[in-house]
């Protein structure tokens, strides 16, 4: 009875981790990483054309723990083969969101605002096969990719491991082997939990260092690194 209940608790625990972390790893890590890589490969053959900035804004959003995230919004016009088009895409992400990873958002807002105020043209990269598709920056934001990496590795890794443990426990339960060394099984479960913790900290620590070394901590980059230790 006790062994059956223990297995049930472990099954529920593993199922929650498999679904929650698996979904998080996909939507916050694997999916955006793959989309960015695909977009960078796709736009490599796009052609540069001059464009005029029609409007530019820097949206600010209140983040967690008092932080602020930013999103540059732009609208620009360009002409291809005598046909005029308008576009809003700035970077590689087709569905961009606000963030505070580095100063990419602020830099592009400053660049576009200056061009708009001075009436200067900017360079837009246009798809020669579909001129209505354009963007302004076809370079990969590596700091943002590094930020997404722990979600892809940690969340997905935890989800896959939890799913494997779920199937293994379920198979043992179906085999109906009496008293299959419950203490040994419990030790394995505890070992898996320690694996989750170590794996999580091993990825999260470099990510924290990434932000603190950017000078966002009190006292600048050097003090930030010291505070981490």
Protein backbone atom coordinates (compact mmCIF):
# COMPACT_ATOMS: atom_id res chain seq x y z
CA UNK A 1 0.00 0.00 0.00
CA UNK A 2 2.71 2.44 1.04
CA UNK A 3 4.85 1.50 -1.95
CA UNK A 4 1.88 2.04 -4.30
CA UNK A 5 1.15 5.46 -2.80
CA UNK A 6 4.81 6.43 -3.07
CA UNK A 7 4.82 5.49 -6.72
CA UNK A 8 1.67 7.53 -7.27
CA UNK A 9 3.25 10.60 -5.72
CA UNK A 10 6.36 10.18 -7.86
CA UNK A 11 4.22 9.75 -10.99
CA UNK A 12 2.34 12.98 -10.29
CA UNK A 13 5.56 14.79 -9.48
CA UNK A 14 7.26 13.59 -12.67
CA UNK A 15 4.21 14.39 -14.81
CA UNK A 16 4.10 17.98 -13.53
CA UNK A 17 7.79 18.46 -14.21
CA UNK A 18 7.61 16.82 -17.64
CA UNK A 19 4.70 18.96 -18.84
CA UNK A 20 5.63 22.23 -17.14
CA UNK A 21 9.34 22.25 -17.86
CA UNK A 22 8.95 20.63 -21.26
CA UNK A 23 6.50 23.30 -22.41
CA UNK A 24 8.63 26.06 -20.91
CA UNK A 25 11.74 24.74 -22.61
CA UNK A 26 10.00 24.65 -25.96
CA UNK A 27 8.24 28.02 -25.92
CA UNK A 28 10.93 30.06 -24.15
CA UNK A 29 14.02 28.26 -25.43
CA UNK A 30 13.93 25.80 -28.31
CA UNK A 31 11.27 27.57 -30.40
CA UNK A 32 12.76 31.11 -30.38
CA UNK A 33 16.29 29.75 -30.84
CA UNK A 34 15.22 27.75 -33.89
CA UNK A 35 13.16 30.62 -35.32
CA UNK A 36 16.05 33.06 -34.97
CA UNK A 37 18.49 30.67 -36.61
CA UNK A 38 16.06 30.02 -39.47
CA UNK A 39 15.40 33.73 -39.93
CA UNK A 40 19.13 34.54 -40.00
CA UNK A 41 19.62 31.89 -42.68
CA UNK A 42 16.63 33.13 -44.69
CA UNK A 43 17.53 36.85 -44.77
CA UNK A 44 21.15 36.32 -45.77
CA UNK A 45 20.18 36.85 -49.44
CA UNK A 46 17.90 39.84 -48.87
CA UNK A 47 18.88 43.04 -50.65
CA UNK A 48 19.59 46.48 -49.10
CA UNK A 49 17.39 49.41 -50.10
CA UNK A 50 17.13 52.95 -48.69
CA UNK A 51 14.16 53.57 -46.43
CA UNK A 52 12.58 56.53 -44.67
CA UNK A 53 11.58 56.33 -41.01
CA UNK A 54 7.95 57.31 -40.56
CA UNK A 55 7.61 56.72 -36.83
CA UNK A 56 9.63 55.27 -33.96
CA UNK A 57 8.84 54.62 -30.30
CA UNK A 58 10.50 52.97 -27.34
CA UNK A 59 7.87 51.20 -25.27
CA UNK A 60 8.63 50.57 -21.61
CA UNK A 61 7.08 47.82 -19.56
CA UNK A 62 7.34 47.27 -15.83
CA UNK A 63 9.09 43.98 -15.21
CA UNK A 64 9.36 41.76 -12.19
CA UNK A 65 11.27 42.91 -9.11
CA UNK A 66 11.08 46.55 -10.18
CA UNK A 67 12.91 46.04 -13.47
CA UNK A 68 11.96 47.65 -16.78
CA UNK A 69 11.87 46.04 -20.20
CA UNK A 70 12.00 47.92 -23.50
CA UNK A 71 10.71 47.40 -27.02
CA UNK A 72 11.53 49.51 -30.05
CA UNK A 73 8.61 49.99 -32.42
CA UNK A 74 9.19 51.47 -35.87
CA UNK A 75 7.44 52.11 -39.14
CA UNK A 76 9.38 52.83 -42.32
CA UNK A 77 8.78 53.20 -46.05
CA UNK A 78 10.86 51.98 -48.99
CA UNK A 79 10.50 51.57 -52.75
CA UNK A 80 11.28 48.50 -54.86
CA UNK A 81 10.81 48.47 -58.65
CA UNK A 82 8.65 51.59 -58.48
CA UNK A 83 6.34 50.11 -55.83
CA UNK A 84 6.20 51.69 -52.36
CA UNK A 85 5.97 49.51 -49.26
CA UNK A 86 5.75 50.05 -45.52
CA UNK A 87 7.14 47.70 -42.89
CA UNK A 88 7.57 47.55 -39.11
CA UNK A 89 9.99 44.68 -38.53
CA UNK A 90 13.27 45.75 -36.92
CA UNK A 91 15.15 42.56 -35.99
CA UNK A 92 15.08 38.88 -36.84
CA UNK A 93 12.22 38.01 -34.49
CA UNK A 94 8.92 37.95 -36.34
CA UNK A 95 7.01 38.39 -33.09
CA UNK A 96 9.30 40.61 -31.01
CA UNK A 97 8.69 41.30 -27.35
CA UNK A 98 10.10 43.67 -24.77
CA UNK A 99 13.34 42.75 -23.00
CA UNK A 100 16.27 44.30 -21.18
CA UNK A 101 19.00 42.02 -22.51
CA UNK A 102 21.78 44.42 -23.47
CA UNK A 103 20.98 47.79 -25.06
CA UNK A 104 19.87 46.64 -28.51
CA UNK A 105 16.39 48.12 -28.10
CA UNK A 106 17.71 51.50 -26.95
CA UNK A 107 20.39 51.65 -29.63
CA UNK A 108 17.95 51.05 -32.45
CA UNK A 109 15.51 53.55 -31.01
CA UNK A 110 18.26 56.17 -30.88
CA UNK A 111 19.43 55.39 -34.42
CA UNK A 112 15.94 55.49 -35.89
CA UNK A 113 14.91 58.60 -33.96
CA UNK A 114 17.96 60.50 -35.20
CA UNK A 115 17.30 59.42 -38.77
CA UNK A 116 13.66 60.48 -38.44
CA UNK A 117 14.50 63.88 -36.97
CA UNK A 118 17.17 64.63 -39.57
CA UNK A 119 15.20 63.24 -42.48
CA UNK A 120 18.00 60.80 -43.27
CA UNK A 121 17.48 57.45 -44.95
CA UNK A 122 18.30 54.12 -43.32
CA UNK A 123 19.08 50.73 -44.83
CA UNK A 124 16.30 48.17 -44.97
CA UNK A 125 16.90 44.59 -46.02
CA UNK A 126 14.20 43.43 -48.44
CA UNK A 127 13.24 40.00 -49.67
CA UNK A 128 13.74 40.20 -53.47
CA UNK A 129 11.14 37.46 -54.01
CA UNK A 130 8.56 39.16 -51.77
CA UNK A 131 9.35 42.91 -51.52
CA UNK A 132 6.68 43.45 -48.87
CA UNK A 133 8.95 41.58 -46.41
CA UNK A 134 11.72 43.69 -44.90
CA UNK A 135 13.72 44.26 -41.72
CA UNK A 136 16.38 46.65 -40.48
CA UNK A 137 18.80 44.43 -38.55
CA UNK A 138 19.61 40.96 -39.86
CA UNK A 139 22.31 40.22 -37.30
CA UNK A 140 21.79 37.72 -34.49
CA UNK A 141 21.42 39.13 -31.00
CA UNK A 142 23.83 36.74 -29.32
CA UNK A 143 23.18 38.00 -25.80
CA UNK A 144 19.48 37.28 -26.26
CA UNK A 145 20.30 33.83 -27.58
CA UNK A 146 22.46 33.15 -24.52
CA UNK A 147 19.54 34.28 -22.37
CA UNK A 148 17.29 31.75 -24.11
CA UNK A 149 19.83 28.94 -23.87
CA UNK A 150 19.13 27.92 -20.25
CA UNK A 151 15.44 27.54 -21.06
CA UNK A 152 16.31 25.31 -24.00
CA UNK A 153 18.82 23.23 -22.01
CA UNK A 154 17.58 23.26 -18.42
CA UNK A 155 13.83 23.27 -18.91
CA UNK A 156 13.93 20.78 -21.77
CA UNK A 157 16.44 18.59 -19.95
CA UNK A 158 14.35 18.52 -16.79
CA UNK A 159 11.20 17.84 -18.81
CA UNK A 160 12.76 14.96 -20.75
CA UNK A 161 14.30 13.44 -17.63
CA UNK A 162 11.02 13.72 -15.74
CA UNK A 163 9.17 12.08 -18.64
CA UNK A 164 11.72 9.25 -18.68
CA UNK A 165 11.30 8.74 -14.93
CA UNK A 166 7.51 8.79 -15.32
CA UNK A 167 7.59 6.05 -17.95
CA UNK A 168 10.07 3.99 -15.96
CA UNK A 169 8.01 4.16 -12.76
CA UNK A 170 4.82 3.42 -14.71
CA UNK A 171 6.39 0.39 -16.37
CA UNK A 172 7.55 -0.97 -13.03
CA UNK A 173 4.07 -0.47 -11.60
CA UNK A 174 2.53 -2.35 -14.52
CA UNK A 175 5.01 -5.21 -14.09
CA UNK A 176 3.62 -5.55 -10.55
CA UNK A 177 6.91 -6.65 -9.03
CA UNK A 178 6.44 -6.89 -5.23
CA UNK A 179 8.69 -4.71 -3.08
CA UNK A 180 11.04 -3.76 -5.84
CA UNK A 181 13.65 -2.38 -3.47
CA UNK A 182 11.69 0.73 -2.48
CA UNK A 183 14.65 2.21 -0.63
CA UNK A 184 16.80 1.83 -3.71
CA UNK A 185 14.08 3.44 -5.84
CA UNK A 186 13.76 6.28 -3.38
CA UNK A 187 17.50 6.85 -3.52
CA UNK A 188 17.30 7.04 -7.29
CA UNK A 189 14.48 9.56 -7.02
CA UNK A 190 16.51 11.70 -4.64
CA UNK A 191 19.50 11.43 -6.94
CA UNK A 192 17.38 12.68 -9.82
CA UNK A 193 16.25 15.65 -7.75
CA UNK A 194 19.87 16.50 -6.96
CA UNK A 195 20.62 16.21 -10.67
CA UNK A 196 17.88 18.74 -11.40
CA UNK A 197 19.26 21.14 -8.79
CA UNK A 198 22.88 20.90 -9.91
CA UNK A 199 21.97 21.13 -13.58
CA UNK A 200 19.78 24.17 -12.91
CA UNK A 201 22.43 26.03 -10.90
CA UNK A 202 25.15 25.13 -13.38
CA UNK A 203 23.30 26.96 -16.14
CA UNK A 204 21.63 29.69 -14.07
CA UNK A 205 24.89 30.91 -12.51
CA UNK A 206 26.55 31.82 -15.83
CA UNK A 207 23.34 33.55 -16.88
CA UNK A 208 23.35 35.65 -13.72
CA UNK A 209 26.98 36.49 -14.37
CA UNK A 210 26.04 37.55 -17.90
CA UNK A 211 23.67 40.23 -16.62
CA UNK A 212 25.78 41.39 -13.70
CA UNK A 213 28.89 41.67 -15.85
CA UNK A 214 26.89 43.97 -18.11
CA UNK A 215 27.24 46.61 -15.42
CA UNK A 216 23.66 46.42 -14.16
CA UNK A 217 24.66 45.54 -10.65
CA UNK A 218 25.58 48.14 -8.01
CA UNK A 219 29.12 49.41 -8.41
CA UNK A 220 29.57 48.41 -12.05
CA UNK A 221 30.94 45.25 -13.69
CA UNK A 222 33.82 44.58 -11.31
CA UNK A 223 31.72 44.96 -8.17
CA UNK A 224 29.03 42.82 -9.77
CA UNK A 225 31.41 39.94 -10.38
CA UNK A 226 32.72 40.18 -6.82
CA UNK A 227 29.20 40.13 -5.42
CA UNK A 228 28.48 36.90 -7.29
CA UNK A 229 31.27 35.15 -5.43
